[in-house]
């Protein structure tokens, strides 16, 4: 695929509400894995599962695999650029941003479920 074709596809993907919901789910997973890695030396179940699988976005009956390592690195770059560092915060630590991020991710994930349930005439791309 040529560069213009890739750019055009990327724009179409980001216009599709179903794809945006996939991306929200991926961000939620990336955040939870990064957060859990800082909490314990032991590997959590979620971290272990994510290590063996890769992400994908489905658009018009075609799967687009997304490399986990690249997404993880991109997520780390985005959070660090916004001064959001993953570390083991102490209780009452004013730098702890996890409690602020979680509700936003929950809200966007719930939106994805409502769109699927209600079918309000939104542009659903299968």
Protein backbone atom coordinates (compact mmCIF):
# COMPACT_ATOMS: atom_id res chain seq x y z
CA UNK A 1 0.00 0.00 0.00
CA UNK A 2 1.37 3.41 -0.90
CA UNK A 3 1.78 6.20 1.63
CA UNK A 4 -1.33 8.08 0.47
CA UNK A 5 -3.35 4.87 0.67
CA UNK A 6 -2.10 4.22 4.21
CA UNK A 7 -2.93 7.77 5.28
CA UNK A 8 -6.39 7.52 3.74
CA UNK A 9 -7.02 4.18 5.50
CA UNK A 10 -5.81 5.62 8.83
CA UNK A 11 -8.23 8.56 8.46
CA UNK A 12 -11.11 6.20 7.60
CA UNK A 13 -10.27 4.01 10.58
CA UNK A 14 -10.34 6.96 12.98
CA UNK A 15 -13.74 8.06 11.62
CA UNK A 16 -15.24 4.66 12.41
CA UNK A 17 -16.79 4.56 15.87
CA UNK A 18 -16.22 0.80 16.19
CA UNK A 19 -12.49 1.21 15.52
CA UNK A 20 -12.28 4.05 18.03
CA UNK A 21 -13.90 1.73 20.58
CA UNK A 22 -11.23 -0.90 19.81
CA UNK A 23 -8.53 1.73 20.36
CA UNK A 24 -10.10 2.72 23.70
CA UNK A 25 -10.00 -0.91 24.80
CA UNK A 26 -6.36 -1.18 23.77
CA UNK A 27 -5.48 1.95 25.75
CA UNK A 28 -7.32 0.55 28.78
CA UNK A 29 -5.29 -2.67 28.53
CA UNK A 30 -1.99 -0.82 28.06
CA UNK A 31 -2.71 1.34 31.11
CA UNK A 32 -3.65 -1.62 33.30
CA UNK A 33 -0.61 -3.66 32.28
CA UNK A 34 1.75 -0.72 32.90
CA UNK A 35 0.09 0.01 36.24
CA UNK A 36 0.23 -3.62 37.38
CA UNK A 37 3.88 -3.97 36.40
CA UNK A 38 4.76 -1.22 38.88
CA UNK A 39 2.80 -2.73 41.75
CA UNK A 40 4.57 -6.04 42.17
CA UNK A 41 7.64 -8.01 41.24
CA UNK A 42 5.38 -10.98 40.48
CA UNK A 43 3.77 -11.05 37.04
CA UNK A 44 0.02 -10.57 37.27
CA UNK A 45 -2.43 -12.65 35.24
CA UNK A 46 -3.23 -9.69 32.96
CA UNK A 47 0.45 -8.98 32.28
CA UNK A 48 1.07 -12.66 31.48
CA UNK A 49 -1.93 -12.82 29.10
CA UNK A 50 -0.92 -9.62 27.28
CA UNK A 51 2.62 -10.94 26.77
CA UNK A 52 1.32 -13.88 24.71
CA UNK A 53 -1.21 -12.03 22.58
CA UNK A 54 -1.22 -9.06 20.28
CA UNK A 55 -3.74 -6.33 19.72
CA UNK A 56 -5.83 -5.97 16.59
CA UNK A 57 -8.42 -3.64 15.16
CA UNK A 58 -11.26 -5.02 13.05
CA UNK A 59 -12.55 -2.87 10.21
CA UNK A 60 -14.92 -3.97 7.46
CA UNK A 61 -14.41 -7.68 8.18
CA UNK A 62 -10.62 -7.40 8.08
CA UNK A 63 -8.23 -7.61 11.02
CA UNK A 64 -5.37 -5.16 11.35
CA UNK A 65 -2.78 -6.51 13.80
CA UNK A 66 -1.01 -3.97 15.97
CA UNK A 67 2.39 -4.94 17.43
CA UNK A 68 2.21 -5.00 21.22
CA UNK A 69 5.80 -3.82 21.69
CA UNK A 70 5.27 -0.76 19.49
CA UNK A 71 1.98 0.13 21.18
CA UNK A 72 3.52 -0.28 24.63
CA UNK A 73 6.44 1.96 23.68
CA UNK A 74 4.09 4.55 22.16
CA UNK A 75 1.90 4.52 25.28
CA UNK A 76 4.98 5.00 27.50
CA UNK A 77 6.09 7.94 25.32
CA UNK A 78 2.64 9.57 25.49
CA UNK A 79 2.32 9.22 29.26
CA UNK A 80 5.87 10.44 29.94
CA UNK A 81 5.38 13.42 27.62
CA UNK A 82 2.39 14.35 29.78
CA UNK A 83 4.31 13.85 33.06
CA UNK A 84 2.31 10.73 33.86
CA UNK A 85 4.85 8.27 35.20
CA UNK A 86 4.11 4.67 36.12
CA UNK A 87 5.53 3.92 39.54
CA UNK A 88 4.47 2.46 42.86
CA UNK A 89 2.79 5.42 44.54
CA UNK A 90 2.49 5.61 48.29
CA UNK A 91 -0.89 6.09 49.95
CA UNK A 92 -1.94 9.74 49.76
CA UNK A 93 0.75 10.56 47.18
CA UNK A 94 -0.37 13.70 45.33
CA UNK A 95 1.40 12.55 42.15
CA UNK A 96 -0.78 9.44 41.91
CA UNK A 97 -2.77 9.90 38.72
CA UNK A 98 -4.16 6.34 38.38
CA UNK A 99 -7.37 7.22 40.22
CA UNK A 100 -7.99 10.07 37.80
CA UNK A 101 -7.28 8.04 34.65
CA UNK A 102 -9.38 5.01 35.59
CA UNK A 103 -12.80 6.72 35.60
CA UNK A 104 -12.17 8.32 32.20
CA UNK A 105 -11.21 4.99 30.68
CA UNK A 106 -14.23 3.35 32.33
CA UNK A 107 -16.52 6.03 30.91
CA UNK A 108 -15.18 5.63 27.37
CA UNK A 109 -15.38 1.83 27.62
CA UNK A 110 -18.98 2.08 28.84
CA UNK A 111 -19.71 4.34 25.87
CA UNK A 112 -18.54 1.57 23.55
CA UNK A 113 -20.97 -0.85 25.19
CA UNK A 114 -23.86 1.64 24.93
CA UNK A 115 -23.19 2.25 21.23
CA UNK A 116 -23.27 -1.47 20.60
CA UNK A 117 -26.44 -1.88 22.66
CA UNK A 118 -28.48 1.10 21.50
CA UNK A 119 -27.55 1.42 17.81
CA UNK A 120 -28.52 5.07 17.66
CA UNK A 121 -27.80 5.40 13.97
CA UNK A 122 -24.11 5.98 14.52
CA UNK A 123 -21.76 4.93 11.78
CA UNK A 124 -21.04 1.34 12.73
CA UNK A 125 -18.31 -0.25 10.61
CA UNK A 126 -18.41 -4.03 10.58
